[in-house]
Protein backbone atom coordinates (compact mmCIF):
# COMPACT_ATOMS: atom_id res chain seq x y z
CA UNK A 1 98.17 46.29 40.64
CA UNK A 2 101.90 45.52 41.43
CA UNK A 3 103.16 41.51 40.09
CA UNK A 4 103.79 40.24 43.44
CA UNK A 5 99.83 40.84 44.58
CA UNK A 6 98.30 39.71 41.15
CA UNK A 7 100.66 36.60 41.49
CA UNK A 8 98.98 36.39 45.44
CA UNK A 9 95.87 36.41 44.09
CA UNK A 10 96.42 33.46 41.23
CA UNK A 11 98.97 31.71 43.52
CA UNK A 12 97.86 32.21 46.61
CA UNK A 13 100.76 28.74 47.59
CA UNK A 14 103.55 30.34 45.79
CA UNK A 15 105.95 31.94 48.23
CA UNK A 16 107.31 35.25 48.73
CA UNK A 17 110.53 36.40 49.37
CA UNK A 18 110.35 39.72 51.66
CA UNK A 19 111.52 42.58 50.37
CA UNK A 20 112.10 41.49 46.84
CA UNK A 21 109.09 41.97 45.50
CA UNK A 22 111.26 44.34 41.75
CA UNK A 23 113.14 40.68 41.48
CA UNK A 24 110.50 38.51 40.03
CA UNK A 25 110.60 37.69 37.30
CA UNK A 26 107.29 35.64 36.43
CA UNK A 27 105.71 32.35 37.72
CA UNK A 28 107.39 28.88 37.16
CA UNK A 29 105.11 25.75 36.09
CA UNK A 30 106.72 22.69 36.07
CA UNK A 31 104.37 19.23 35.28
CA UNK A 32 103.38 17.68 38.63
CA UNK A 33 104.07 20.62 40.77
CA UNK A 34 102.88 24.09 41.74
CA UNK A 35 103.47 27.19 40.43
CA UNK A 36 106.33 29.40 42.51
CA UNK A 37 107.49 31.90 42.16
CA UNK A 38 110.79 33.13 39.67
CA UNK A 39 113.43 35.80 41.04
CA UNK A 40 116.21 37.09 38.94
CA UNK A 41 118.74 36.57 40.20
CA UNK A 42 120.93 39.13 39.07
CA UNK A 43 118.84 41.82 40.85
CA UNK A 44 118.30 39.16 43.87
CA UNK A 45 122.42 39.60 44.30
CA UNK A 46 122.23 43.11 43.47
CA UNK A 47 119.48 43.78 46.41
CA UNK A 48 122.37 42.57 48.92
CA UNK A 49 125.16 44.86 47.72
CA UNK A 50 122.86 47.60 47.66
CA UNK A 51 121.95 46.64 51.13
CA UNK A 52 125.70 47.32 52.45
CA UNK A 53 126.93 43.39 51.13
CA UNK A 54 130.00 43.14 49.18
CA UNK A 55 130.07 40.54 45.99
CA UNK A 56 131.14 37.86 48.05
CA UNK A 57 128.75 38.08 50.88
CA UNK A 58 125.70 38.47 48.52
CA UNK A 59 126.63 34.96 46.63
CA UNK A 60 127.90 33.13 49.83
CA UNK A 61 124.50 34.80 51.52
CA UNK A 62 122.02 34.11 48.71
CA UNK A 63 123.38 30.42 48.07
CA UNK A 64 123.30 29.08 51.23
CA UNK A 65 120.34 31.25 52.56
CA UNK A 66 117.60 31.33 49.27
CA UNK A 67 119.13 29.26 46.40
CA UNK A 68 119.91 26.33 48.83
CA UNK A 69 116.70 26.81 51.08
CA UNK A 70 113.76 24.20 50.15
CA UNK A 71 110.59 25.18 52.68
CA UNK A 72 108.52 23.16 51.53
CA UNK A 73 105.71 23.21 48.22
CA UNK A 74 105.75 26.04 46.65
CA UNK A 75 109.53 27.01 47.34
CA UNK A 76 110.82 30.33 44.94
CA UNK A 77 112.99 29.06 42.10
CA UNK A 78 115.76 31.68 40.69
CA UNK A 79 116.61 32.36 37.05
CA UNK A 80 120.34 33.28 35.63
CA UNK A 81 119.35 34.88 32.67
CA UNK A 82 122.17 35.65 29.35
CA UNK A 83 120.44 38.05 27.87
CA UNK A 84 120.69 40.72 30.77
CA UNK A 85 117.20 41.07 30.33
CA UNK A 86 117.04 42.85 26.86
CA UNK A 87 115.43 41.72 24.00
CA UNK A 88 116.50 40.79 20.15
């Protein structure tokens, strides 16, 4: 079963960005708020570039339409990784 399917079963109110399943890092939990899906920011930007955007276009689109979009409880969050996904 895919991660997005498992997350959907456990957290049905968490919003999913269509077409970005391979960019999911996990679920973010915070005191006083509902769990939300956490996406790898670098992977989201790379997907935009793979879909034909320049790096500048990808950043602008991401910042305005994804990072800058609040659509209520369950709005996804984005993680800026400093380890490039590698473990020590």
